[in-house]
Amino acid sequence: MNKRRDGHVHSHYCPHGSNDSFEDYLENAINRGIEEITFTEHMTMPKDIVIEGMGDGFLDSTSPSIEHMNKYIKEAKYYKDKYEDKIKINVGLEVDYLEGYEEFTMKMLNKYGDLLDDAILSTHIGIYEGKYYSFDCIESFEELLKNIGNVEKIYNLYYNTVLKSIKSNLGIFKPKRIGHPTLIRIFNKKYPIDYSNTKLFQEIIDEINKRNYEIDYNTAGLRKEFCGEIYPSGEFYEIAIKNNVKMIYGSDSHFANDVGFNFK
């Protein structure tokens, strides 16, 4: 993997991020020897999803409004030109796979796809018995645990949702990089499980390779209190390596100081 490329970076337009400016991110990247960076701000989410266990304003904290997303793309393009002699900048989005909202996602990608250089497709939210849950928010994770019965079933739901995301029809601008594919392990130290599902992992990897997709090798898990590992790690990572899946380093930084975090 290219340690001088950071393929997953957020911005001050992220509602749950920092106020660090584009220049803060870029100057930190340059100082750390990063030669290529992709800004992957969250794509605007539909506002009618109810996430179990979360408050009414939760969706507003997950992604920028349409107005702010438009400003993000415009500003990112400005800095792409301004810094073109110092660092290669890709303007991108992190797109959430939302089962049942594929048409919404495709319409958004069709609207913005021509403006993008790169993008990531991530699974943060899954559906169980008709209700939506956030896999990486502890309140929603625990609500799902209460309803689904055990942690293994949550992992099964998560990885089957990742598989659906890879197979989904999101149009010609569908992202080709799968974000933090073992994100479900974010609470592994609080809810430990030695999860193994070779058949499902192999199917996910086969579908990735069939489409010539790549994986976000995401170091953010190392910064999480109850995780402490890269996404992907463990059996999933071993199968990906065995099958020669292309991986791209991603810091998933929401603060400028995390750009290029733990790229070794």
C-alpha atoms as a PDB file:
ATOM      1  CA  MET A   1       0.000   0.000   0.000  1.00  0.00           C
ATOM      2  CA  ASN A   2       1.043   3.536  -0.719  1.00  0.00           C
ATOM      3  CA  LYS A   3       1.796   5.216   2.624  1.00  0.00           C
ATOM      4  CA  ARG A   4       1.927   8.608   0.927  1.00  0.00           C
ATOM      5  CA  ARG A   5      -1.734   8.533  -0.034  1.00  0.00           C
ATOM      6  CA  ASP A   6      -4.568   9.193   2.420  1.00  0.00           C
ATOM      7  CA  GLY A   7      -7.814   8.163   0.767  1.00  0.00           C
ATOM      8  CA  HIS A   8     -10.300   8.970   3.541  1.00  0.00           C
ATOM      9  CA  VAL A   9     -10.311  12.466   5.038  1.00  0.00           C
ATOM     10  CA  HIS A  10     -13.195  14.612   6.289  1.00  0.00           C
ATOM     11  CA  SER A  11     -13.481  18.382   6.636  1.00  0.00           C
ATOM     12  CA  HIS A  12     -14.981  21.191   8.682  1.00  0.00           C
ATOM     13  CA  TYR A  13     -18.253  20.538   6.857  1.00  0.00           C
ATOM     14  CA  CYS A  14     -18.725  17.326   8.847  1.00  0.00           C
ATOM     15  CA  PRO A  15     -21.249  18.042  11.643  1.00  0.00           C
ATOM     16  CA  HIS A  16     -19.507  15.610  14.024  1.00  0.00           C
ATOM     17  CA  GLY A  17     -15.981  16.685  13.086  1.00  0.00           C
ATOM     18  CA  SER A  18     -13.755  19.622  13.962  1.00  0.00           C
ATOM     19  CA  ASN A  19     -13.478  23.202  12.747  1.00  0.00           C
ATOM     20  CA  ASP A  20     -10.046  22.530  11.226  1.00  0.00           C
ATOM     21  CA  SER A  21      -9.815  24.168   7.806  1.00  0.00           C
ATOM     22  CA  PHE A  22      -8.886  22.575   4.483  1.00  0.00           C
ATOM     23  CA  GLU A  23      -5.533  24.287   4.791  1.00  0.00           C
ATOM     24  CA  ASP A  24      -5.008  22.750   8.242  1.00  0.00           C
ATOM     25  CA  TYR A  25      -5.541  19.292   6.769  1.00  0.00           C
ATOM     26  CA  LEU A  26      -3.394  19.985   3.722  1.00  0.00           C
ATOM     27  CA  GLU A  27      -0.480  21.520   5.588  1.00  0.00           C
ATOM     28  CA  ASN A  28      -0.439  18.594   8.020  1.00  0.00           C
ATOM     29  CA  ALA A  29      -0.557  16.161   5.111  1.00  0.00           C
ATOM     30  CA  ILE A  30       2.336  17.853   3.315  1.00  0.00           C
ATOM     31  CA  ASN A  31       4.407  18.008   6.506  1.00  0.00           C
ATOM     32  CA  ARG A  32       3.899  14.253   6.968  1.00  0.00           C
ATOM     33  CA  GLY A  33       4.980  13.387   3.459  1.00  0.00           C
ATOM     34  CA  ILE A  34       1.501  12.690   2.072  1.00  0.00           C
ATOM     35  CA  GLU A  35       1.540  13.207  -1.688  1.00  0.00           C
ATOM     36  CA  GLU A  36      -2.131  12.478  -2.449  1.00  0.00           C
ATOM     37  CA  ILE A  37      -5.237  13.093  -0.367  1.00  0.00           C
ATOM     38  CA  THR A  38      -8.935  12.432  -0.924  1.00  0.00           C
ATOM     39  CA  PHE A  39     -11.469  14.519   0.931  1.00  0.00           C
ATOM     40  CA  THR A  40     -14.443  12.222   1.492  1.00  0.00           C
ATOM     41  CA  GLU A  41     -17.065  14.274   3.267  1.00  0.00           C
ATOM     42  CA  HIS A  42     -20.274  12.444   4.156  1.00  0.00           C
ATOM     43  CA  MET A  43     -22.917  12.648   1.470  1.00  0.00           C
ATOM     44  CA  THR A  44     -26.165  14.206   2.651  1.00  0.00           C
ATOM     45  CA  MET A  45     -28.467  11.625   4.240  1.00  0.00           C
ATOM     46  CA  PRO A  46     -32.231  11.368   3.773  1.00  0.00           C
ATOM     47  CA  LYS A  47     -33.948  13.034   6.702  1.00  0.00           C
ATOM     48  CA  ASP A  48     -36.882  10.660   7.126  1.00  0.00           C
ATOM     49  CA  ILE A  49     -34.948   7.701   8.551  1.00  0.00           C
ATOM     50  CA  VAL A  50     -35.514   7.013  12.235  1.00  0.00           C
ATOM     51  CA  ILE A  51     -32.453   5.476  13.900  1.00  0.00           C
ATOM     52  CA  GLU A  52     -33.400   3.377  16.894  1.00  0.00           C
ATOM     53  CA  GLY A  53     -31.815   4.445  20.161  1.00  0.00           C
ATOM     54  CA  MET A  54     -30.826   7.885  18.887  1.00  0.00           C
ATOM     55  CA  GLY A  55     -32.375  11.285  19.468  1.00  0.00           C
ATOM     56  CA  ASP A  56     -34.412  13.366  17.032  1.00  0.00           C
ATOM     57  CA  GLY A  57     -31.440  15.441  15.883  1.00  0.00           C
ATOM     58  CA  PHE A  58     -29.181  12.479  15.190  1.00  0.00           C
ATOM     59  CA  LEU A  59     -29.411  12.563  11.396  1.00  0.00           C
ATOM     60  CA  ASP A  60     -28.434  16.232  11.373  1.00  0.00           C
ATOM     61  CA  SER A  61     -25.191  15.220  13.085  1.00  0.00           C
ATOM     62  CA  THR A  62     -24.308  12.493  10.582  1.00  0.00           C
ATOM     63  CA  SER A  63     -23.839  14.487   7.391  1.00  0.00           C
ATOM     64  CA  PRO A  64     -23.900  18.021   5.965  1.00  0.00           C
ATOM     65  CA  SER A  65     -27.034  19.590   4.575  1.00  0.00           C
ATOM     66  CA  ILE A  66     -27.373  19.877   0.806  1.00  0.00           C
ATOM     67  CA  GLU A  67     -26.384  23.537   1.085  1.00  0.00           C
ATOM     68  CA  HIS A  68     -23.227  22.679   3.007  1.00  0.00           C
ATOM     69  CA  MET A  69     -22.383  19.777   0.716  1.00  0.00           C
ATOM     70  CA  ASN A  70     -22.507  22.149  -2.250  1.00  0.00           C
ATOM     71  CA  LYS A  71     -20.211  24.541  -0.396  1.00  0.00           C
ATOM     72  CA  TYR A  72     -17.890  21.655   0.527  1.00  0.00           C
ATOM     73  CA  ILE A  73     -17.443  20.581  -3.088  1.00  0.00           C
ATOM     74  CA  LYS A  74     -16.877  24.158  -4.248  1.00  0.00           C
ATOM     75  CA  GLU A  75     -14.305  24.850  -1.523  1.00  0.00           C
ATOM     76  CA  ALA A  76     -12.523  21.520  -1.998  1.00  0.00           C
ATOM     77  CA  LYS A  77     -12.161  22.268  -5.709  1.00  0.00           C
ATOM     78  CA  TYR A  78     -10.728  25.683  -4.870  1.00  0.00           C
ATOM     79  CA  TYR A  79      -8.000  24.128  -2.722  1.00  0.00           C
ATOM     80  CA  LYS A  80      -7.411  21.411  -5.292  1.00  0.00           C
ATOM     81  CA  ASP A  81      -6.352  24.154  -7.704  1.00  0.00           C
ATOM     82  CA  LYS A  82      -4.562  26.247  -5.098  1.00  0.00           C
ATOM     83  CA  TYR A  83      -2.393  23.353  -3.914  1.00  0.00           C
ATOM     84  CA  GLU A  84      -1.912  21.558  -7.224  1.00  0.00           C
ATOM     85  CA  ASP A  85       1.854  22.122  -7.152  1.00  0.00           C
ATOM     86  CA  LYS A  86       2.187  20.844  -3.578  1.00  0.00           C
ATOM     87  CA  ILE A  87      -0.122  17.835  -3.236  1.00  0.00           C
ATOM     88  CA  LYS A  88      -2.608  15.909  -5.375  1.00  0.00           C
ATOM     89  CA  ILE A  89      -6.119  16.514  -4.058  1.00  0.00           C
ATOM     90  CA  ASN A  90      -9.141  14.390  -4.952  1.00  0.00           C
ATOM     91  CA  VAL A  91     -12.612  15.744  -4.278  1.00  0.00           C
ATOM     92  CA  GLY A  92     -14.809  12.939  -3.018  1.00  0.00           C
ATOM     93  CA  LEU A  93     -17.652  11.774  -0.812  1.00  0.00           C
ATOM     94  CA  GLU A  94     -18.256   9.035   1.712  1.00  0.00           C
ATOM     95  CA  VAL A  95     -21.559   7.543   0.638  1.00  0.00           C
ATOM     96  CA  ASP A  96     -23.678   5.603   3.116  1.00  0.00           C
ATOM     97  CA  TYR A  97     -25.315   2.425   1.902  1.00  0.00           C
ATOM     98  CA  LEU A  98     -28.898   2.619   3.144  1.00  0.00           C
ATOM     99  CA  GLU A  99     -30.986  -0.446   2.461  1.00  0.00           C
ATOM    100  CA  GLY A 100     -34.346   0.703   1.111  1.00  0.00           C
ATOM    101  CA  TYR A 101     -32.940   4.073   0.025  1.00  0.00           C
ATOM    102  CA  GLU A 102     -31.011   2.923  -3.019  1.00  0.00           C
ATOM    103  CA  GLU A 103     -33.054   5.186  -5.325  1.00  0.00           C
ATOM    104  CA  PHE A 104     -32.304   8.229  -3.156  1.00  0.00           C
ATOM    105  CA  THR A 105     -28.597   7.379  -3.134  1.00  0.00           C
ATOM    106  CA  MET A 106     -28.500   6.840  -6.896  1.00  0.00           C
ATOM    107  CA  LYS A 107     -30.203  10.186  -7.520  1.00  0.00           C
ATOM    108  CA  MET A 108     -27.682  11.952  -5.298  1.00  0.00           C
ATOM    109  CA  LEU A 109     -24.764  10.236  -7.020  1.00  0.00           C
ATOM    110  CA  ASN A 110     -26.175  11.083 -10.445  1.00  0.00           C
ATOM    111  CA  LYS A 111     -26.432  14.718  -9.364  1.00  0.00           C
ATOM    112  CA  TYR A 112     -22.902  15.010  -7.943  1.00  0.00           C
ATOM    113  CA  GLY A 113     -20.970  12.221  -9.634  1.00  0.00           C
ATOM    114  CA  ASP A 114     -19.481  14.358 -12.403  1.00  0.00           C
ATOM    115  CA  LEU A 115     -18.000  16.676  -9.774  1.00  0.00           C
ATOM    116  CA  LEU A 116     -16.129  13.905  -7.943  1.00  0.00           C
ATOM    117  CA  ASP A 117     -12.674  12.409  -8.391  1.00  0.00           C
ATOM    118  CA  ASP A 118     -13.113   9.600  -5.881  1.00  0.00           C
ATOM    119  CA  ALA A 119     -15.631   8.161  -3.406  1.00  0.00           C
ATOM    120  CA  ILE A 120     -16.131   5.576  -0.670  1.00  0.00           C
ATOM    121  CA  LEU A 121     -19.165   3.362  -0.028  1.00  0.00           C
ATOM    122  CA  SER A 122     -19.619   2.665   3.681  1.00  0.00           C
ATOM    123  CA  THR A 123     -22.008   0.770   5.915  1.00  0.00           C
ATOM    124  CA  HIS A 124     -22.890   2.524   9.169  1.00  0.00           C
ATOM    125  CA  ILE A 125     -26.594   1.693   9.307  1.00  0.00           C
ATOM    126  CA  GLY A 126     -28.515  -1.560   9.005  1.00  0.00           C
ATOM    127  CA  ILE A 127     -32.137  -2.625   9.092  1.00  0.00           C
ATOM    128  CA  TYR A 128     -33.611  -5.263  11.390  1.00  0.00           C
ATOM    129  CA  GLU A 129     -37.307  -6.149  11.468  1.00  0.00           C
ATOM    130  CA  GLY A 130     -38.122  -2.978   9.557  1.00  0.00           C
ATOM    131  CA  LYS A 131     -36.214  -0.629  11.876  1.00  0.00           C
ATOM    132  CA  TYR A 132     -32.899   1.141  11.280  1.00  0.00           C
ATOM    133  CA  TYR A 133     -29.922   0.932  13.631  1.00  0.00           C
ATOM    134  CA  SER A 134     -26.510   2.568  13.655  1.00  0.00           C
ATOM    135  CA  PHE A 135     -23.746  -0.010  14.000  1.00  0.00           C
ATOM    136  CA  ASP A 136     -21.163   2.490  15.272  1.00  0.00           C
ATOM    137  CA  CYS A 137     -23.202   4.468  17.809  1.00  0.00           C
ATOM    138  CA  ILE A 138     -23.243   2.705  21.159  1.00  0.00           C
ATOM    139  CA  GLU A 139     -26.833   3.671  22.057  1.00  0.00           C
ATOM    140  CA  SER A 140     -28.197   2.226  18.828  1.00  0.00           C
ATOM    141  CA  PHE A 141     -25.858  -0.786  18.939  1.00  0.00           C
ATOM    142  CA  GLU A 142     -27.151  -1.663  22.414  1.00  0.00           C
ATOM    143  CA  GLU A 143     -30.766  -1.144  21.340  1.00  0.00           C
ATOM    144  CA  LEU A 144     -30.157  -3.562  18.464  1.00  0.00           C
ATOM    145  CA  LEU A 145     -28.479  -6.016  20.830  1.00  0.00           C
ATOM    146  CA  LYS A 146     -31.543  -5.959  23.067  1.00  0.00           C
ATOM    147  CA  ASN A 147     -33.815  -6.744  20.112  1.00  0.00           C
ATOM    148  CA  ILE A 148     -31.695  -9.130  18.059  1.00  0.00           C
ATOM    149  CA  GLY A 149     -30.491 -11.259  20.948  1.00  0.00           C
ATOM    150  CA  ASN A 150     -26.701 -11.500  20.796  1.00  0.00           C
ATOM    151  CA  VAL A 151     -23.566  -9.877  19.373  1.00  0.00           C
ATOM    152  CA  GLU A 152     -22.975 -12.624  16.810  1.00  0.00           C
ATOM    153  CA  LYS A 153     -26.307 -11.835  15.177  1.00  0.00           C
ATOM    154  CA  ILE A 154     -25.329  -8.144  14.996  1.00  0.00           C
ATOM    155  CA  TYR A 155     -22.096  -9.091  13.227  1.00  0.00           C
ATOM    156  CA  ASN A 156     -24.025 -11.310  10.816  1.00  0.00           C
ATOM    157  CA  LEU A 157     -26.411  -8.443  10.065  1.00  0.00           C
ATOM    158  CA  TYR A 158     -23.557  -6.009   9.545  1.00  0.00           C
ATOM    159  CA  TYR A 159     -21.557  -8.180   7.156  1.00  0.00           C
ATOM    160  CA  ASN A 160     -24.651  -9.162   5.181  1.00  0.00           C
ATOM    161  CA  THR A 161     -25.438  -5.447   4.855  1.00  0.00           C
ATOM    162  CA  VAL A 162     -21.892  -4.835   3.576  1.00  0.00           C
ATOM    163  CA  LEU A 163     -22.464  -7.606   1.035  1.00  0.00           C
ATOM    164  CA  LYS A 164     -25.725  -5.991  -0.061  1.00  0.00           C
ATOM    165  CA  SER A 165     -23.931  -2.665  -0.472  1.00  0.00           C
ATOM    166  CA  ILE A 166     -21.384  -4.236  -2.813  1.00  0.00           C
ATOM    167  CA  LYS A 167     -24.095  -5.912  -4.886  1.00  0.00           C
ATOM    168  CA  SER A 168     -26.416  -2.893  -4.906  1.00  0.00           C
ATOM    169  CA  ASN A 169     -27.297  -0.952  -8.024  1.00  0.00           C
ATOM    170  CA  LEU A 170     -26.439   2.675  -7.308  1.00  0.00           C
ATOM    171  CA  GLY A 171     -25.797   3.724 -10.889  1.00  0.00           C
ATOM    172  CA  ILE A 172     -22.706   4.612 -12.865  1.00  0.00           C
ATOM    173  CA  PHE A 173     -21.231   6.809 -10.120  1.00  0.00           C
ATOM    174  CA  LYS A 174     -21.345   4.127  -7.430  1.00  0.00           C
ATOM    175  CA  PRO A 175     -18.143   4.288  -5.346  1.00  0.00           C
ATOM    176  CA  LYS A 176     -15.559   1.606  -6.016  1.00  0.00           C
ATOM    177  CA  ARG A 177     -13.931   1.577  -2.575  1.00  0.00           C
ATOM    178  CA  ILE A 178     -15.589  -0.150   0.387  1.00  0.00           C
ATOM    179  CA  GLY A 179     -15.181   1.856   3.576  1.00  0.00           C
ATOM    180  CA  HIS A 180     -13.860   0.390   6.841  1.00  0.00           C
ATOM    181  CA  PRO A 181     -15.242  -3.106   6.122  1.00  0.00           C
ATOM    182  CA  THR A 182     -14.884  -4.416   9.700  1.00  0.00           C
ATOM    183  CA  LEU A 183     -16.311  -1.294  11.377  1.00  0.00           C
ATOM    184  CA  ILE A 184     -18.639  -3.509  13.425  1.00  0.00           C
ATOM    185  CA  ARG A 185     -15.656  -4.277  15.667  1.00  0.00           C
ATOM    186  CA  ILE A 186     -15.709  -0.697  16.966  1.00  0.00           C
ATOM    187  CA  PHE A 187     -17.085  -1.941  20.327  1.00  0.00           C
ATOM    188  CA  ASN A 188     -15.170  -5.215  20.403  1.00  0.00           C
ATOM    189  CA  LYS A 189     -13.518  -4.485  23.762  1.00  0.00           C
ATOM    190  CA  LYS A 190     -16.866  -3.718  25.378  1.00  0.00           C
ATOM    191  CA  TYR A 191     -18.707  -6.570  23.649  1.00  0.00           C
ATOM    192  CA  PRO A 192     -15.908  -9.029  22.870  1.00  0.00           C
ATOM    193  CA  ILE A 193     -16.516 -11.815  20.386  1.00  0.00           C
ATOM    194  CA  ASP A 194     -14.165 -14.080  18.486  1.00  0.00           C
ATOM    195  CA  TYR A 195     -16.286 -13.836  15.362  1.00  0.00           C
ATOM    196  CA  SER A 196     -15.531 -16.067  12.406  1.00  0.00           C
ATOM    197  CA  ASN A 197     -17.551 -16.430   9.216  1.00  0.00           C
ATOM    198  CA  THR A 198     -15.174 -17.631   6.523  1.00  0.00           C
ATOM    199  CA  LYS A 199     -17.920 -18.342   4.001  1.00  0.00           C
ATOM    200  CA  LEU A 200     -19.484 -14.881   4.285  1.00  0.00           C
ATOM    201  CA  PHE A 201     -16.100 -13.112   4.312  1.00  0.00           C
ATOM    202  CA  GLN A 202     -15.034 -15.025   1.218  1.00  0.00           C
ATOM    203  CA  GLU A 203     -18.271 -14.108  -0.550  1.00  0.00           C
ATOM    204  CA  ILE A 204     -17.724 -10.424   0.261  1.00  0.00           C
ATOM    205  CA  ILE A 205     -14.147 -10.563  -1.014  1.00  0.00           C
ATOM    206  CA  ASP A 206     -15.199 -12.430  -4.160  1.00  0.00           C
ATOM    207  CA  GLU A 207     -17.836  -9.791  -4.918  1.00  0.00           C
ATOM    208  CA  ILE A 208     -15.263  -7.035  -4.382  1.00  0.00           C
ATOM    209  CA  ASN A 209     -12.803  -8.682  -6.750  1.00  0.00           C
ATOM    210  CA  LYS A 210     -15.499  -9.488  -9.323  1.00  0.00           C
ATOM    211  CA  ARG A 211     -16.197  -5.760  -9.625  1.00  0.00           C
ATOM    212  CA  ASN A 212     -12.569  -4.674  -9.367  1.00  0.00           C
ATOM    213  CA  TYR A 213     -13.393  -2.717  -6.216  1.00  0.00           C
ATOM    214  CA  GLU A 214     -10.917  -1.866  -3.465  1.00  0.00           C
ATOM    215  CA  ILE A 215     -10.943  -1.627   0.324  1.00  0.00           C
ATOM    216  CA  ASP A 216     -10.456   1.347   2.612  1.00  0.00           C
ATOM    217  CA  TYR A 217      -7.599   0.274   4.938  1.00  0.00           C
ATOM    218  CA  ASN A 218      -8.867   2.463   7.722  1.00  0.00           C
ATOM    219  CA  THR A 219      -6.699   3.317  10.732  1.00  0.00           C
ATOM    220  CA  ALA A 220      -9.442   5.117  12.675  1.00  0.00           C
ATOM    221  CA  GLY A 221     -10.192   2.007  14.741  1.00  0.00           C
ATOM    222  CA  LEU A 222      -6.830   2.415  16.435  1.00  0.00           C
ATOM    223  CA  ARG A 223      -8.140   5.680  17.896  1.00  0.00           C
ATOM    224  CA  LYS A 224     -11.400   4.201  19.214  1.00  0.00           C
ATOM    225  CA  GLU A 225     -11.661   3.422  22.930  1.00  0.00           C
ATOM    226  CA  PHE A 226     -13.309   0.023  22.516  1.00  0.00           C
ATOM    227  CA  CYS A 227     -11.590  -1.085  19.304  1.00  0.00           C
ATOM    228  CA  GLY A 228      -7.830  -0.577  19.017  1.00  0.00           C
ATOM    229  CA  GLU A 229      -7.438  -2.201  15.607  1.00  0.00           C
ATOM    230  CA  ILE A 230      -7.419  -1.278  11.934  1.00  0.00           C
ATOM    231  CA  TYR A 231     -10.481  -1.883   9.770  1.00  0.00           C
ATOM    232  CA  PRO A 232     -10.013  -4.521   8.357  1.00  0.00           C
ATOM    233  CA  SER A 233      -8.180  -6.827  10.734  1.00  0.00           C
ATOM    234  CA  GLY A 234      -8.353 -10.493  11.659  1.00  0.00           C
ATOM    235  CA  GLU A 235      -9.853 -13.174   9.449  1.00  0.00           C
ATOM    236  CA  PHE A 236     -11.448 -10.697   7.044  1.00  0.00           C
ATOM    237  CA  TYR A 237      -8.089  -9.022   6.444  1.00  0.00           C
ATOM    238  CA  GLU A 238      -6.321 -12.363   5.982  1.00  0.00           C
ATOM    239  CA  ILE A 239      -8.842 -13.457   3.350  1.00  0.00           C
ATOM    240  CA  ALA A 240      -8.548 -10.099   1.585  1.00  0.00           C
ATOM    241  CA  ILE A 241      -4.746 -10.403   1.478  1.00  0.00           C
ATOM    242  CA  LYS A 242      -4.927 -13.998   0.269  1.00  0.00           C
ATOM    243  CA  ASN A 243      -7.198 -12.869  -2.571  1.00  0.00           C
ATOM    244  CA  ASN A 244      -5.044  -9.862  -3.523  1.00  0.00           C
ATOM    245  CA  VAL A 245      -7.679  -7.218  -2.843  1.00  0.00           C
ATOM    246  CA  LYS A 246      -6.385  -3.727  -3.469  1.00  0.00           C
ATOM    247  CA  MET A 247      -6.334  -1.609  -0.307  1.00  0.00           C
ATOM    248  CA  ILE A 248      -5.982   2.147   0.093  1.00  0.00           C
ATOM    249  CA  TYR A 249      -4.818   3.728   3.335  1.00  0.00           C
ATOM    250  CA  GLY A 250      -7.453   5.936   4.955  1.00  0.00           C
ATOM    251  CA  SER A 251      -7.046   7.854   8.200  1.00  0.00           C
ATOM    252  CA  ASP A 252     -10.765   8.699   8.361  1.00  0.00           C
ATOM    253  CA  SER A 253      -9.550  11.882   9.996  1.00  0.00           C
ATOM    254  CA  HIS A 254     -12.064  14.375  11.327  1.00  0.00           C
ATOM    255  CA  PHE A 255      -9.216  16.433  12.783  1.00  0.00           C
ATOM    256  CA  ALA A 256      -6.281  17.763  10.776  1.00  0.00           C
ATOM    257  CA  ASN A 257      -3.803  16.215  13.185  1.00  0.00           C
ATOM    258  CA  ASP A 258      -5.011  12.705  12.284  1.00  0.00           C
ATOM    259  CA  VAL A 259      -4.140  12.865   8.574  1.00  0.00           C
ATOM    260  CA  GLY A 260      -1.894   9.939   7.701  1.00  0.00           C
ATOM    261  CA  PHE A 261      -2.458   8.411  11.142  1.00  0.00           C
ATOM    262  CA  ASN A 262      -0.410   5.240  11.712  1.00  0.00           C
ATOM    263  CA  PHE A 263       0.465   4.695   8.057  1.00  0.00           C
ATOM    264  CA  LYS A 264       3.291   2.166   8.393  1.00  0.00           C
END
